[in-house]
Each structure stands twice: as structure tokens, then as C-alpha cells.
Amino acid sequence: NVYVQGNGRHEEFGEYSVILPGCRASFRKNNTGAFYIYSLEVDGNF
């Protein structure tokens, strides 16, 4: 995915950020293989 970028932290699990129209999210892939979104910013005025 061209707009999903690894942020260089927690590489053993895989930590990423994604910037979408009106939305920014940070998530990681944990040791079970599941994705966990722990930060979400939404621009309601987009």
C-alpha cells in the first residue's frame, strides 16, 4: 500500500501510520498477526 508507511518503531510487531482524506490512523501488527488501531484522528470539517 503506497500510503501506509512504517514508522520504524516496534519492528518486531510492525508499526504503521496511514494518512487518508480527512483521517489519520496509527496501528500495529501484534504477535498474533492481528492489526490494532490505537490512534485515530478525524477531520470533521473535511
PDB file of all heavy atoms in Angstrom:
ATOM      1  N   ASN A   1       0.829  -1.194   0.000  1.00  0.00           N
ATOM      2  CA  ASN A   1       0.000   0.000   0.000  1.00  0.00           C
ATOM      3  C   ASN A   1       0.865   1.247   0.000  1.00  0.00           C
ATOM      4  O   ASN A   1       1.639   1.472   0.924  1.00  0.00           O
ATOM      5  CB  ASN A   1      -0.890  -0.022   1.245  1.00  0.00           C
ATOM      6  CG  ASN A   1      -2.119   0.823   1.088  1.00  0.00           C
ATOM      7  OD1 ASN A   1      -2.035   1.922   0.574  1.00  0.00           O
ATOM      8  ND2 ASN A   1      -3.251   0.313   1.531  1.00  0.00           N
ATOM      9  N   VAL A   2       0.718   2.106  -1.011  1.00  0.00           N
ATOM     10  CA  VAL A   2       1.614   3.256  -1.156  1.00  0.00           C
ATOM     11  C   VAL A   2       1.427   4.298  -0.073  1.00  0.00           C
ATOM     12  O   VAL A   2       2.317   5.102   0.184  1.00  0.00           O
ATOM     13  CB  VAL A   2       1.448   3.939  -2.540  1.00  0.00           C
ATOM     14  CG1 VAL A   2       1.816   2.997  -3.652  1.00  0.00           C
ATOM     15  CG2 VAL A   2       0.054   4.509  -2.723  1.00  0.00           C
ATOM     16  N   TYR A   3       0.245   4.333   0.561  1.00  0.00           N
ATOM     17  CA  TYR A   3       0.010   5.362   1.562  1.00  0.00           C
ATOM     18  C   TYR A   3       0.063   4.834   2.997  1.00  0.00           C
ATOM     19  O   TYR A   3      -0.287   5.542   3.936  1.00  0.00           O
ATOM     20  CB  TYR A   3      -1.328   6.076   1.314  1.00  0.00           C
ATOM     21  CG  TYR A   3      -2.493   5.155   1.027  1.00  0.00           C
ATOM     22  CD1 TYR A   3      -3.247   4.609   2.050  1.00  0.00           C
ATOM     23  CD2 TYR A   3      -2.812   4.828  -0.276  1.00  0.00           C
ATOM     24  CE1 TYR A   3      -4.291   3.760   1.785  1.00  0.00           C
ATOM     25  CE2 TYR A   3      -3.860   3.984  -0.553  1.00  0.00           C
ATOM     26  CZ  TYR A   3      -4.603   3.453   0.472  1.00  0.00           C
ATOM     27  OH  TYR A   3      -5.640   2.600   0.199  1.00  0.00           O
ATOM     28  N   VAL A   4       0.475   3.584   3.186  1.00  0.00           N
ATOM     29  CA  VAL A   4       0.741   3.047   4.517  1.00  0.00           C
ATOM     30  C   VAL A   4       2.248   3.039   4.714  1.00  0.00           C
ATOM     31  O   VAL A   4       2.981   2.471   3.906  1.00  0.00           O
ATOM     32  CB  VAL A   4       0.176   1.626   4.685  1.00  0.00           C
ATOM     33  CG1 VAL A   4       0.603   1.037   6.027  1.00  0.00           C
ATOM     34  CG2 VAL A   4      -1.339   1.643   4.581  1.00  0.00           C
ATOM     35  N   GLN A   5       2.725   3.675   5.761  1.00  0.00           N
ATOM     36  CA  GLN A   5       4.157   3.802   5.980  1.00  0.00           C
ATOM     37  C   GLN A   5       4.556   3.253   7.338  1.00  0.00           C
ATOM     38  O   GLN A   5       3.900   3.536   8.346  1.00  0.00           O
ATOM     39  CB  GLN A   5       4.569   5.279   5.883  1.00  0.00           C
ATOM     40  CG  GLN A   5       4.268   5.895   4.531  1.00  0.00           C
ATOM     41  CD  GLN A   5       4.553   7.379   4.495  1.00  0.00           C
ATOM     42  OE1 GLN A   5       4.737   8.014   5.521  1.00  0.00           O
ATOM     43  NE2 GLN A   5       4.591   7.940   3.296  1.00  0.00           N
ATOM     44  N   GLY A   6       5.632   2.456   7.355  1.00  0.00           N
ATOM     45  CA  GLY A   6       6.182   2.004   8.623  1.00  0.00           C
ATOM     46  C   GLY A   6       6.865   3.165   9.317  1.00  0.00           C
ATOM     47  O   GLY A   6       7.510   3.984   8.671  1.00  0.00           O
ATOM     48  N   ASN A   7       6.720   3.256  10.646  1.00  0.00           N
ATOM     49  CA  ASN A   7       7.309   4.395  11.345  1.00  0.00           C
ATOM     50  C   ASN A   7       8.610   4.055  12.063  1.00  0.00           C
ATOM     51  O   ASN A   7       9.148   4.873  12.798  1.00  0.00           O
ATOM     52  CB  ASN A   7       6.302   5.010  12.324  1.00  0.00           C
ATOM     53  CG  ASN A   7       5.876   4.042  13.412  1.00  0.00           C
ATOM     54  OD1 ASN A   7       6.512   3.018  13.637  1.00  0.00           O
ATOM     55  ND2 ASN A   7       4.778   4.364  14.088  1.00  0.00           N
ATOM     56  N   GLY A   8       9.114   2.820  11.843  1.00  0.00           N
ATOM     57  CA  GLY A   8      10.439   2.477  12.372  1.00  0.00           C
ATOM     58  C   GLY A   8      10.464   2.047  13.825  1.00  0.00           C
ATOM     59  O   GLY A   8      11.522   1.774  14.371  1.00  0.00           O
ATOM     60  N   ARG A   9       9.303   2.000  14.473  1.00  0.00           N
ATOM     61  CA  ARG A   9       9.257   1.573  15.871  1.00  0.00           C
ATOM     62  C   ARG A   9       8.561   0.219  15.982  1.00  0.00           C
ATOM     63  O   ARG A   9       7.725  -0.136  15.161  1.00  0.00           O
ATOM     64  CB  ARG A   9       8.508   2.610  16.722  1.00  0.00           C
ATOM     65  CG  ARG A   9       9.212   3.968  16.750  1.00  0.00           C
ATOM     66  CD  ARG A   9       8.519   4.926  17.702  1.00  0.00           C
ATOM     67  NE  ARG A   9       7.189   5.285  17.232  1.00  0.00           N
ATOM     68  CZ  ARG A   9       6.080   5.174  17.959  1.00  0.00           C
ATOM     69  NH1 ARG A   9       6.151   4.694  19.185  1.00  0.00           N
ATOM     70  NH2 ARG A   9       4.916   5.537  17.477  1.00  0.00           N
ATOM     71  N   HIS A  10       8.925  -0.528  17.033  1.00  0.00           N
ATOM     72  CA  HIS A  10       8.317  -1.840  17.288  1.00  0.00           C
ATOM     73  C   HIS A  10       8.361  -2.718  16.036  1.00  0.00           C
ATOM     74  O   HIS A  10       7.350  -3.287  15.615  1.00  0.00           O
ATOM     75  CB  HIS A  10       6.868  -1.680  17.755  1.00  0.00           C
ATOM     76  CG  HIS A  10       6.738  -0.904  19.012  1.00  0.00           C
ATOM     77  ND1 HIS A  10       7.140  -1.386  20.236  1.00  0.00           N
ATOM     78  CD2 HIS A  10       6.247   0.345  19.253  1.00  0.00           C
ATOM     79  CE1 HIS A  10       6.885  -0.493  21.182  1.00  0.00           C
ATOM     80  NE2 HIS A  10       6.363   0.583  20.601  1.00  0.00           N
ATOM     81  N   GLU A  11       9.538  -2.796  15.442  1.00  0.00           N
ATOM     82  CA  GLU A  11       9.656  -3.517  14.177  1.00  0.00           C
ATOM     83  C   GLU A  11       9.340  -4.995  14.299  1.00  0.00           C
ATOM     84  O   GLU A  11       8.949  -5.642  13.336  1.00  0.00           O
ATOM     85  CB  GLU A  11      11.073  -3.328  13.609  1.00  0.00           C
ATOM     86  CG  GLU A  11      11.338  -1.890  13.163  1.00  0.00           C
ATOM     87  CD  GLU A  11      12.718  -1.738  12.562  1.00  0.00           C
ATOM     88  OE1 GLU A  11      13.436  -2.752  12.490  1.00  0.00           O
ATOM     89  OE2 GLU A  11      13.062  -0.614  12.160  1.00  0.00           O
ATOM     90  N   GLU A  12       9.513  -5.556  15.527  1.00  0.00           N
ATOM     91  CA  GLU A  12       9.223  -6.972  15.681  1.00  0.00           C
ATOM     92  C   GLU A  12       7.737  -7.269  15.503  1.00  0.00           C
ATOM     93  O   GLU A  12       7.341  -8.381  15.171  1.00  0.00           O
ATOM     94  CB  GLU A  12       9.697  -7.463  17.061  1.00  0.00           C
ATOM     95  CG  GLU A  12       8.938  -6.852  18.241  1.00  0.00           C
ATOM     96  CD  GLU A  12       9.560  -5.563  18.732  1.00  0.00           C
ATOM     97  OE1 GLU A  12      10.255  -4.904  17.935  1.00  0.00           O
ATOM     98  OE2 GLU A  12       9.361  -5.230  19.916  1.00  0.00           O
ATOM     99  N   PHE A  13       6.894  -6.231  15.731  1.00  0.00           N
ATOM    100  CA  PHE A  13       5.469  -6.422  15.539  1.00  0.00           C
ATOM    101  C   PHE A  13       4.986  -5.756  14.249  1.00  0.00           C
ATOM    102  O   PHE A  13       3.980  -6.151  13.682  1.00  0.00           O
ATOM    103  CB  PHE A  13       4.681  -5.844  16.725  1.00  0.00           C
ATOM    104  CG  PHE A  13       5.030  -6.494  18.039  1.00  0.00           C
ATOM    105  CD1 PHE A  13       5.434  -5.734  19.121  1.00  0.00           C
ATOM    106  CD2 PHE A  13       4.977  -7.865  18.187  1.00  0.00           C
ATOM    107  CE1 PHE A  13       5.754  -6.313  20.330  1.00  0.00           C
ATOM    108  CE2 PHE A  13       5.299  -8.468  19.388  1.00  0.00           C
ATOM    109  CZ  PHE A  13       5.684  -7.698  20.465  1.00  0.00           C
ATOM    110  N   GLY A  14       5.671  -4.714  13.834  1.00  0.00           N
ATOM    111  CA  GLY A  14       5.250  -3.969  12.653  1.00  0.00           C
ATOM    112  C   GLY A  14       4.324  -2.841  13.040  1.00  0.00           C
ATOM    113  O   GLY A  14       3.162  -3.059  13.381  1.00  0.00           O
ATOM    114  N   GLU A  15       4.838  -1.620  13.041  1.00  0.00           N
ATOM    115  CA  GLU A  15       4.039  -0.460  13.412  1.00  0.00           C
ATOM    116  C   GLU A  15       3.958   0.497  12.228  1.00  0.00           C
ATOM    117  O   GLU A  15       4.959   0.765  11.576  1.00  0.00           O
ATOM    118  CB  GLU A  15       4.631   0.236  14.634  1.00  0.00           C
ATOM    119  CG  GLU A  15       3.755   1.338  15.164  1.00  0.00           C
ATOM    120  CD  GLU A  15       3.985   1.609  16.643  1.00  0.00           C
ATOM    121  OE1 GLU A  15       4.444   0.701  17.351  1.00  0.00           O
ATOM    122  OE2 GLU A  15       3.700   2.731  17.062  1.00  0.00           O
ATOM    123  N   TYR A  16       2.730   1.017  11.983  1.00  0.00           N
ATOM    124  CA  TYR A  16       2.487   1.768  10.767  1.00  0.00           C
ATOM    125  C   TYR A  16       1.634   3.006  11.035  1.00  0.00           C
ATOM    126  O   TYR A  16       0.947   3.105  12.052  1.00  0.00           O
ATOM    127  CB  TYR A  16       1.761   0.906   9.731  1.00  0.00           C
ATOM    128  CG  TYR A  16       2.421  -0.418   9.454  1.00  0.00           C
ATOM    129  CD1 TYR A  16       2.089  -1.548  10.205  1.00  0.00           C
ATOM    130  CD2 TYR A  16       3.374  -0.548   8.450  1.00  0.00           C
ATOM    131  CE1 TYR A  16       2.694  -2.773   9.961  1.00  0.00           C
ATOM    132  CE2 TYR A  16       3.988  -1.770   8.190  1.00  0.00           C
ATOM    133  CZ  TYR A  16       3.643  -2.882   8.948  1.00  0.00           C
ATOM    134  OH  TYR A  16       4.250  -4.083   8.709  1.00  0.00           O
ATOM    135  N   SER A  17       1.661   3.907  10.070  1.00  0.00           N
ATOM    136  CA  SER A  17       0.751   5.050  10.079  1.00  0.00           C
ATOM    137  C   SER A  17       0.172   5.194   8.687  1.00  0.00           C
ATOM    138  O   SER A  17       0.799   4.823   7.692  1.00  0.00           O
ATOM    139  CB  SER A  17       1.479   6.331  10.492  1.00  0.00           C
ATOM    140  OG  SER A  17       2.504   6.650   9.569  1.00  0.00           O
ATOM    141  N   VAL A  18      -1.028   5.729   8.609  1.00  0.00           N
ATOM    142  CA  VAL A  18      -1.690   5.914   7.331  1.00  0.00           C
ATOM    143  C   VAL A  18      -2.393   7.256   7.340  1.00  0.00           C
ATOM    144  O   VAL A  18      -3.060   7.618   8.315  1.00  0.00           O
ATOM    145  CB  VAL A  18      -2.688   4.765   7.044  1.00  0.00           C
ATOM    146  CG1 VAL A  18      -3.711   4.621   8.159  1.00  0.00           C
ATOM    147  CG2 VAL A  18      -3.394   4.972   5.712  1.00  0.00           C
ATOM    148  N   ILE A  19      -2.184   8.012   6.281  1.00  0.00           N
ATOM    149  CA  ILE A  19      -2.842   9.310   6.140  1.00  0.00           C
ATOM    150  C   ILE A  19      -3.835   9.213   4.988  1.00  0.00           C
ATOM    151  O   ILE A  19      -3.456   9.006   3.837  1.00  0.00           O
ATOM    152  CB  ILE A  19      -1.820  10.433   5.883  1.00  0.00           C
ATOM    153  CG1 ILE A  19      -0.834  10.523   7.046  1.00  0.00           C
ATOM    154  CG2 ILE A  19      -2.539  11.765   5.689  1.00  0.00           C
ATOM    155  CD1 ILE A  19       0.258  11.549   6.854  1.00  0.00           C
ATOM    156  N   LEU A  20      -5.110   9.344   5.302  1.00  0.00           N
ATOM    157  CA  LEU A  20      -6.186   9.259   4.333  1.00  0.00           C
ATOM    158  C   LEU A  20      -6.910  10.605   4.276  1.00  0.00           C
ATOM    159  O   LEU A  20      -6.702  11.462   5.139  1.00  0.00           O
ATOM    160  CB  LEU A  20      -7.158   8.151   4.748  1.00  0.00           C
ATOM    161  CG  LEU A  20      -6.557   6.733   4.790  1.00  0.00           C
ATOM    162  CD1 LEU A  20      -7.475   5.791   5.558  1.00  0.00           C
ATOM    163  CD2 LEU A  20      -6.317   6.211   3.384  1.00  0.00           C
ATOM    164  N   PRO A  21      -7.768  10.824   3.284  1.00  0.00           N
ATOM    165  CA  PRO A  21      -8.500  12.095   3.220  1.00  0.00           C
ATOM    166  C   PRO A  21      -9.355  12.306   4.481  1.00  0.00           C
ATOM    167  O   PRO A  21     -10.259  11.528   4.761  1.00  0.00           O
ATOM    168  CB  PRO A  21      -9.387  11.926   1.984  1.00  0.00           C
ATOM    169  CG  PRO A  21      -8.689  10.896   1.165  1.00  0.00           C
ATOM    170  CD  PRO A  21      -8.055   9.965   2.134  1.00  0.00           C
ATOM    171  N   GLY A  22      -9.025  13.314   5.259  1.00  0.00           N
ATOM    172  CA  GLY A  22      -9.797  13.608   6.459  1.00  0.00           C
ATOM    173  C   GLY A  22      -9.554  12.679   7.617  1.00  0.00           C
ATOM    174  O   GLY A  22     -10.272  12.732   8.629  1.00  0.00           O
ATOM    175  N   CYS A  23      -8.549  11.843   7.539  1.00  0.00           N
ATOM    176  CA  CYS A  23      -8.335  10.839   8.575  1.00  0.00           C
ATOM    177  C   CYS A  23      -6.867  10.443   8.663  1.00  0.00           C
ATOM    178  O   CYS A  23      -6.197  10.274   7.644  1.00  0.00           O
ATOM    179  CB  CYS A  23      -9.192   9.607   8.275  1.00  0.00           C
ATOM    180  SG  CYS A  23      -8.900   8.188   9.339  1.00  0.00           S
ATOM    181  N   ARG A  24      -6.372  10.294   9.892  1.00  0.00           N
ATOM    182  CA  ARG A  24      -5.017   9.809  10.128  1.00  0.00           C
ATOM    183  C   ARG A  24      -5.085   8.728  11.199  1.00  0.00           C
ATOM    184  O   ARG A  24      -5.719   8.913  12.247  1.00  0.00           O
ATOM    185  CB  ARG A  24      -4.115  10.952  10.581  1.00  0.00           C
ATOM    186  CG  ARG A  24      -2.668  10.547  10.799  1.00  0.00           C
ATOM    187  CD  ARG A  24      -1.851  11.683  11.418  1.00  0.00           C
ATOM    188  NE  ARG A  24      -0.445  11.321  11.492  1.00  0.00           N
ATOM    189  CZ  ARG A  24       0.499  11.809  10.715  1.00  0.00           C
ATOM    190  NH1 ARG A  24       0.181  12.706   9.794  1.00  0.00           N
ATOM    191  NH2 ARG A  24       1.750  11.431  10.822  1.00  0.00           N
ATOM    192  N   ALA A  25      -4.465   7.593  10.947  1.00  0.00           N
ATOM    193  CA  ALA A  25      -4.519   6.475  11.890  1.00  0.00           C
ATOM    194  C   ALA A  25      -3.132   5.875  12.093  1.00  0.00           C
ATOM    195  O   ALA A  25      -2.317   5.854  11.175  1.00  0.00           O
ATOM    196  CB  ALA A  25      -5.478   5.402  11.388  1.00  0.00           C
ATOM    197  N   SER A  26      -2.891   5.398  13.303  1.00  0.00           N
ATOM    198  CA  SER A  26      -1.666   4.658  13.611  1.00  0.00           C
ATOM    199  C   SER A  26      -2.079   3.283  14.109  1.00  0.00           C
ATOM    200  O   SER A  26      -3.026   3.149  14.889  1.00  0.00           O
ATOM    201  CB  SER A  26      -0.844   5.381  14.683  1.00  0.00           C
ATOM    202  OG  SER A  26      -0.397   6.636  14.217  1.00  0.00           O
ATOM    203  N   PHE A  27      -1.384   2.258  13.655  1.00  0.00           N
ATOM    204  CA  PHE A  27      -1.746   0.899  14.043  1.00  0.00           C
ATOM    205  C   PHE A  27      -0.507   0.021  14.058  1.00  0.00           C
ATOM    206  O   PHE A  27       0.537   0.354  13.492  1.00  0.00           O
ATOM    207  CB  PHE A  27      -2.811   0.332  13.106  1.00  0.00           C
ATOM    208  CG  PHE A  27      -2.370   0.214  11.661  1.00  0.00           C
ATOM    209  CD1 PHE A  27      -1.861  -0.966  11.158  1.00  0.00           C
ATOM    210  CD2 PHE A  27      -2.483   1.300  10.800  1.00  0.00           C
ATOM    211  CE1 PHE A  27      -1.471  -1.078   9.831  1.00  0.00           C
ATOM    212  CE2 PHE A  27      -2.101   1.209   9.469  1.00  0.00           C
ATOM    213  CZ  PHE A  27      -1.593   0.010   8.986  1.00  0.00           C
ATOM    214  N   ARG A  28      -0.630  -1.107  14.696  1.00  0.00           N
ATOM    215  CA  ARG A  28       0.465  -2.079  14.726  1.00  0.00           C
ATOM    216  C   ARG A  28      -0.056  -3.481  14.503  1.00  0.00           C
ATOM    217  O   ARG A  28      -1.232  -3.775  14.749  1.00  0.00           O
ATOM    218  CB  ARG A  28       1.230  -1.997  16.046  1.00  0.00           C
ATOM    219  CG  ARG A  28       0.515  -2.476  17.267  1.00  0.00           C
ATOM    220  CD  ARG A  28       1.447  -2.558  18.488  1.00  0.00           C
ATOM    221  NE  ARG A  28       2.000  -1.270  18.825  1.00  0.00           N
ATOM    222  CZ  ARG A  28       1.535  -0.480  19.812  1.00  0.00           C
ATOM    223  NH1 ARG A  28       0.512  -0.884  20.548  1.00  0.00           N
ATOM    224  NH2 ARG A  28       2.082   0.678  20.065  1.00  0.00           N
ATOM    225  N   LYS A  29       0.811  -4.305  14.013  1.00  0.00           N
ATOM    226  CA  LYS A  29       0.504  -5.717  13.858  1.00  0.00           C
ATOM    227  C   LYS A  29       1.119  -6.436  15.040  1.00  0.00           C
ATOM    228  O   LYS A  29       2.337  -6.419  15.227  1.00  0.00           O
ATOM    229  CB  LYS A  29       1.075  -6.241  12.541  1.00  0.00           C
ATOM    230  CG  LYS A  29       0.653  -7.659  12.197  1.00  0.00           C
ATOM    231  CD  LYS A  29       1.089  -8.025  10.791  1.00  0.00           C
ATOM    232  CE  LYS A  29       0.530  -9.386  10.395  1.00  0.00           C
ATOM    233  NZ  LYS A  29       0.910  -9.743   9.009  1.00  0.00           N
ATOM    234  N   ASN A  30       0.283  -7.022  15.880  1.00  0.00           N
ATOM    235  CA  ASN A  30       0.803  -7.645  17.092  1.00  0.00           C
ATOM    236  C   ASN A  30       1.295  -9.064  16.829  1.00  0.00           C
ATOM    237  O   ASN A  30       1.267  -9.556  15.704  1.00  0.00           O
ATOM    238  CB  ASN A  30      -0.234  -7.592  18.218  1.00  0.00           C
ATOM    239  CG  ASN A  30      -1.497  -8.368  17.877  1.00  0.00           C
ATOM    240  OD1 ASN A  30      -1.459  -9.346  17.131  1.00  0.00           O
ATOM    241  ND2 ASN A  30      -2.622  -7.931  18.426  1.00  0.00           N
ATOM    242  N   ASN A  31       1.731  -9.728  17.893  1.00  0.00           N
ATOM    243  CA  ASN A  31       2.359 -11.043  17.711  1.00  0.00           C
ATOM    244  C   ASN A  31       1.373 -12.146  17.351  1.00  0.00           C
ATOM    245  O   ASN A  31       1.778 -13.271  17.057  1.00  0.00           O
ATOM    246  CB  ASN A  31       3.155 -11.426  18.963  1.00  0.00           C
ATOM    247  CG  ASN A  31       2.301 -11.339  20.213  1.00  0.00           C
ATOM    248  OD1 ASN A  31       1.112 -11.085  20.142  1.00  0.00           O
ATOM    249  ND2 ASN A  31       2.934 -11.549  21.364  1.00  0.00           N
ATOM    250  N   THR A  32       0.078 -11.864  17.353  1.00  0.00           N
ATOM    251  CA  THR A  32      -0.914 -12.841  16.897  1.00  0.00           C
ATOM    252  C   THR A  32      -1.241 -12.654  15.417  1.00  0.00           C
ATOM    253  O   THR A  32      -1.986 -13.437  14.831  1.00  0.00           O
ATOM    254  CB  THR A  32      -2.216 -12.706  17.709  1.00  0.00           C
ATOM    255  OG1 THR A  32      -2.838 -11.452  17.392  1.00  0.00           O
ATOM    256  CG2 THR A  32      -1.939 -12.785  19.209  1.00  0.00           C
ATOM    257  N   GLY A  33      -0.702 -11.581  14.824  1.00  0.00           N
ATOM    258  CA  GLY A  33      -0.965 -11.290  13.420  1.00  0.00           C
ATOM    259  C   GLY A  33      -2.113 -10.325  13.199  1.00  0.00           C
ATOM    260  O   GLY A  33      -2.365  -9.909  12.064  1.00  0.00           O
ATOM    261  N   ALA A  34      -2.826  -9.957  14.277  1.00  0.00           N
ATOM    262  CA  ALA A  34      -3.957  -9.041  14.150  1.00  0.00           C
ATOM    263  C   ALA A  34      -3.472  -7.596  14.110  1.00  0.00           C
ATOM    264  O   ALA A  34      -2.414  -7.264  14.651  1.00  0.00           O
ATOM    265  CB  ALA A  34      -4.930  -9.237  15.307  1.00  0.00           C
ATOM    266  N   PHE A  35      -4.258  -6.724  13.480  1.00  0.00           N
ATOM    267  CA  PHE A  35      -3.953  -5.294  13.442  1.00  0.00           C
ATOM    268  C   PHE A  35      -4.727  -4.579  14.550  1.00  0.00           C
ATOM    269  O   PHE A  35      -5.930  -4.824  14.744  1.00  0.00           O
ATOM    270  CB  PHE A  35      -4.322  -4.689  12.089  1.00  0.00           C
ATOM    271  CG  PHE A  35      -3.397  -5.091  10.980  1.00  0.00           C
ATOM    272  CD1 PHE A  35      -3.834  -5.914   9.956  1.00  0.00           C
ATOM    273  CD2 PHE A  35      -2.080  -4.635  10.962  1.00  0.00           C
ATOM    274  CE1 PHE A  35      -2.975  -6.285   8.932  1.00  0.00           C
ATOM    275  CE2 PHE A  35      -1.219  -5.003   9.936  1.00  0.00           C
ATOM    276  CZ  PHE A  35      -1.667  -5.828   8.926  1.00  0.00           C
ATOM    277  N   TYR A  36      -4.049  -3.689  15.240  1.00  0.00           N
ATOM    278  CA  TYR A  36      -4.646  -2.944  16.340  1.00  0.00           C
ATOM    279  C   TYR A  36      -4.471  -1.453  16.069  1.00  0.00           C
ATOM    280  O   TYR A  36      -3.348  -0.939  16.044  1.00  0.00           O
ATOM    281  CB  TYR A  36      -3.980  -3.333  17.659  1.00  0.00           C
ATOM    282  CG  TYR A  36      -4.276  -2.417  18.824  1.00  0.00           C
ATOM    283  CD1 TYR A  36      -5.579  -2.221  19.259  1.00  0.00           C
ATOM    284  CD2 TYR A  36      -3.241  -1.761  19.490  1.00  0.00           C
ATOM    285  CE1 TYR A  36      -5.849  -1.375  20.332  1.00  0.00           C
ATOM    286  CE2 TYR A  36      -3.493  -0.917  20.561  1.00  0.00           C
ATOM    287  CZ  TYR A  36      -4.809  -0.733  20.976  1.00  0.00           C
ATOM    288  OH  TYR A  36      -5.066   0.096  22.043  1.00  0.00           O
ATOM    289  N   ILE A  37      -5.591  -0.738  15.862  1.00  0.00           N
ATOM    290  CA  ILE A  37      -5.566   0.699  15.610  1.00  0.00           C
ATOM    291  C   ILE A  37      -5.656   1.401  16.962  1.00  0.00           C
ATOM    292  O   ILE A  37      -6.670   1.324  17.652  1.00  0.00           O
ATOM    293  CB  ILE A  37      -6.739   1.130  14.712  1.00  0.00           C
ATOM    294  CG1 ILE A  37      -6.678   0.397  13.359  1.00  0.00           C
ATOM    295  CG2 ILE A  37      -6.712   2.648  14.474  1.00  0.00           C
ATOM    296  CD1 ILE A  37      -7.902   0.599  12.489  1.00  0.00           C
ATOM    297  N   TYR A  38      -4.564   2.089  17.334  1.00  0.00           N
ATOM    298  CA  TYR A  38      -4.527   2.699  18.660  1.00  0.00           C
ATOM    299  C   TYR A  38      -4.626   4.226  18.614  1.00  0.00           C
ATOM    300  O   TYR A  38      -4.742   4.871  19.662  1.00  0.00           O
ATOM    301  CB  TYR A  38      -3.260   2.296  19.409  1.00  0.00           C
ATOM    302  CG  TYR A  38      -1.964   2.684  18.732  1.00  0.00           C
ATOM    303  CD1 TYR A  38      -1.399   3.933  18.917  1.00  0.00           C
ATOM    304  CD2 TYR A  38      -1.309   1.786  17.893  1.00  0.00           C
ATOM    305  CE1 TYR A  38      -0.221   4.302  18.289  1.00  0.00           C
ATOM    306  CE2 TYR A  38      -0.129   2.139  17.255  1.00  0.00           C
ATOM    307  CZ  TYR A  38       0.418   3.392  17.461  1.00  0.00           C
ATOM    308  OH  TYR A  38       1.581   3.740  16.834  1.00  0.00           O
ATOM    309  N   SER A  39      -4.589   4.809  17.422  1.00  0.00           N
ATOM    310  CA  SER A  39      -4.725   6.259  17.295  1.00  0.00           C
ATOM    311  C   SER A  39      -5.538   6.565  16.047  1.00  0.00           C
ATOM    312  O   SER A  39      -5.290   5.996  14.982  1.00  0.00           O
ATOM    313  CB  SER A  39      -3.345   6.921  17.195  1.00  0.00           C
ATOM    314  OG  SER A  39      -3.463   8.309  16.957  1.00  0.00           O
ATOM    315  N   LEU A  40      -6.526   7.453  16.211  1.00  0.00           N
ATOM    316  CA  LEU A  40      -7.387   7.813  15.086  1.00  0.00           C
ATOM    317  C   LEU A  40      -7.755   9.290  15.201  1.00  0.00           C
ATOM    318  O   LEU A  40      -8.282   9.733  16.216  1.00  0.00           O
ATOM    319  CB  LEU A  40      -8.658   6.955  15.097  1.00  0.00           C
ATOM    320  CG  LEU A  40      -9.660   7.193  13.963  1.00  0.00           C
ATOM    321  CD1 LEU A  40      -9.055   6.802  12.626  1.00  0.00           C
ATOM    322  CD2 LEU A  40     -10.950   6.402  14.226  1.00  0.00           C
ATOM    323  N   GLU A  41      -7.426  10.048  14.166  1.00  0.00           N
ATOM    324  CA  GLU A  41      -7.781  11.467  14.110  1.00  0.00           C
ATOM    325  C   GLU A  41      -8.663  11.685  12.887  1.00  0.00           C
ATOM    326  O   GLU A  41      -8.299  11.279  11.782  1.00  0.00           O
ATOM    327  CB  GLU A  41      -6.524  12.332  13.999  1.00  0.00           C
ATOM    328  CG  GLU A  41      -5.531  12.163  15.142  1.00  0.00           C
ATOM    329  CD  GLU A  41      -4.213  12.874  14.875  1.00  0.00           C
ATOM    330  OE1 GLU A  41      -4.247  13.895  14.158  1.00  0.00           O
ATOM    331  OE2 GLU A  41      -3.183  12.397  15.356  1.00  0.00           O
ATOM    332  N   VAL A  42      -9.805  12.303  13.098  1.00  0.00           N
ATOM    333  CA  VAL A  42     -10.747  12.533  12.006  1.00  0.00           C
ATOM    334  C   VAL A  42     -11.043  14.025  11.898  1.00  0.00           C
ATOM    335  O   VAL A  42     -11.337  14.678  12.901  1.00  0.00           O
ATOM    336  CB  VAL A  42     -12.064  11.753  12.231  1.00  0.00           C
ATOM    337  CG1 VAL A  42     -13.066  12.073  11.121  1.00  0.00           C
ATOM    338  CG2 VAL A  42     -11.792  10.258  12.286  1.00  0.00           C
ATOM    339  N   ASP A  43     -10.956  14.551  10.683  1.00  0.00           N
ATOM    340  CA  ASP A  43     -11.253  15.957  10.430  1.00  0.00           C
ATOM    341  C   ASP A  43     -12.707  16.074   9.984  1.00  0.00           C
ATOM    342  O   ASP A  43     -13.036  15.848   8.821  1.00  0.00           O
ATOM    343  CB  ASP A  43     -10.318  16.512   9.357  1.00  0.00           C
ATOM    344  CG  ASP A  43     -10.477  18.009   9.137  1.00  0.00           C
ATOM    345  OD1 ASP A  43     -11.432  18.585   9.697  1.00  0.00           O
ATOM    346  OD2 ASP A  43      -9.654  18.593   8.426  1.00  0.00           O
ATOM    347  N   GLY A  44     -13.573  16.417  10.930  1.00  0.00           N
ATOM    348  CA  GLY A  44     -14.993  16.518  10.607  1.00  0.00           C
ATOM    349  C   GLY A  44     -15.326  17.647   9.656  1.00  0.00           C
ATOM    350  O   GLY A  44     -16.429  17.700   9.113  1.00  0.00           O
ATOM    351  N   ASN A  45     -14.388  18.556   9.430  1.00  0.00           N
ATOM    352  CA  ASN A  45     -14.618  19.698   8.541  1.00  0.00           C
ATOM    353  C   ASN A  45     -14.083  19.462   7.132  1.00  0.00           C
ATOM    354  O   ASN A  45     -13.987  20.420   6.350  1.00  0.00           O
ATOM    355  CB  ASN A  45     -13.956  20.951   9.125  1.00  0.00           C
ATOM    356  CG  ASN A  45     -14.578  21.377  10.437  1.00  0.00           C
ATOM    357  OD1 ASN A  45     -15.792  21.333  10.596  1.00  0.00           O
ATOM    358  ND2 ASN A  45     -13.737  21.779  11.382  1.00  0.00           N
ATOM    359  N   PHE A  46     -13.733  18.225   6.816  1.00  0.00           N
ATOM    360  CA  PHE A  46     -13.089  17.968   5.527  1.00  0.00           C
ATOM    361  C   PHE A  46     -13.973  18.387   4.357  1.00  0.00           C
ATOM    362  O   PHE A  46     -13.492  18.991   3.392  1.00  0.00           O
ATOM    363  CB  PHE A  46     -12.721  16.484   5.404  1.00  0.00           C
ATOM    364  CG  PHE A  46     -11.810  16.188   4.254  1.00  0.00           C
ATOM    365  CD1 PHE A  46     -10.438  16.339   4.374  1.00  0.00           C
ATOM    366  CD2 PHE A  46     -12.307  15.758   3.031  1.00  0.00           C
ATOM    367  CE1 PHE A  46      -9.583  16.076   3.303  1.00  0.00           C
ATOM    368  CE2 PHE A  46     -11.470  15.492   1.964  1.00  0.00           C
ATOM    369  CZ  PHE A  46     -10.100  15.651   2.100  1.00  0.00           C
TER     370      PHE A  46
END
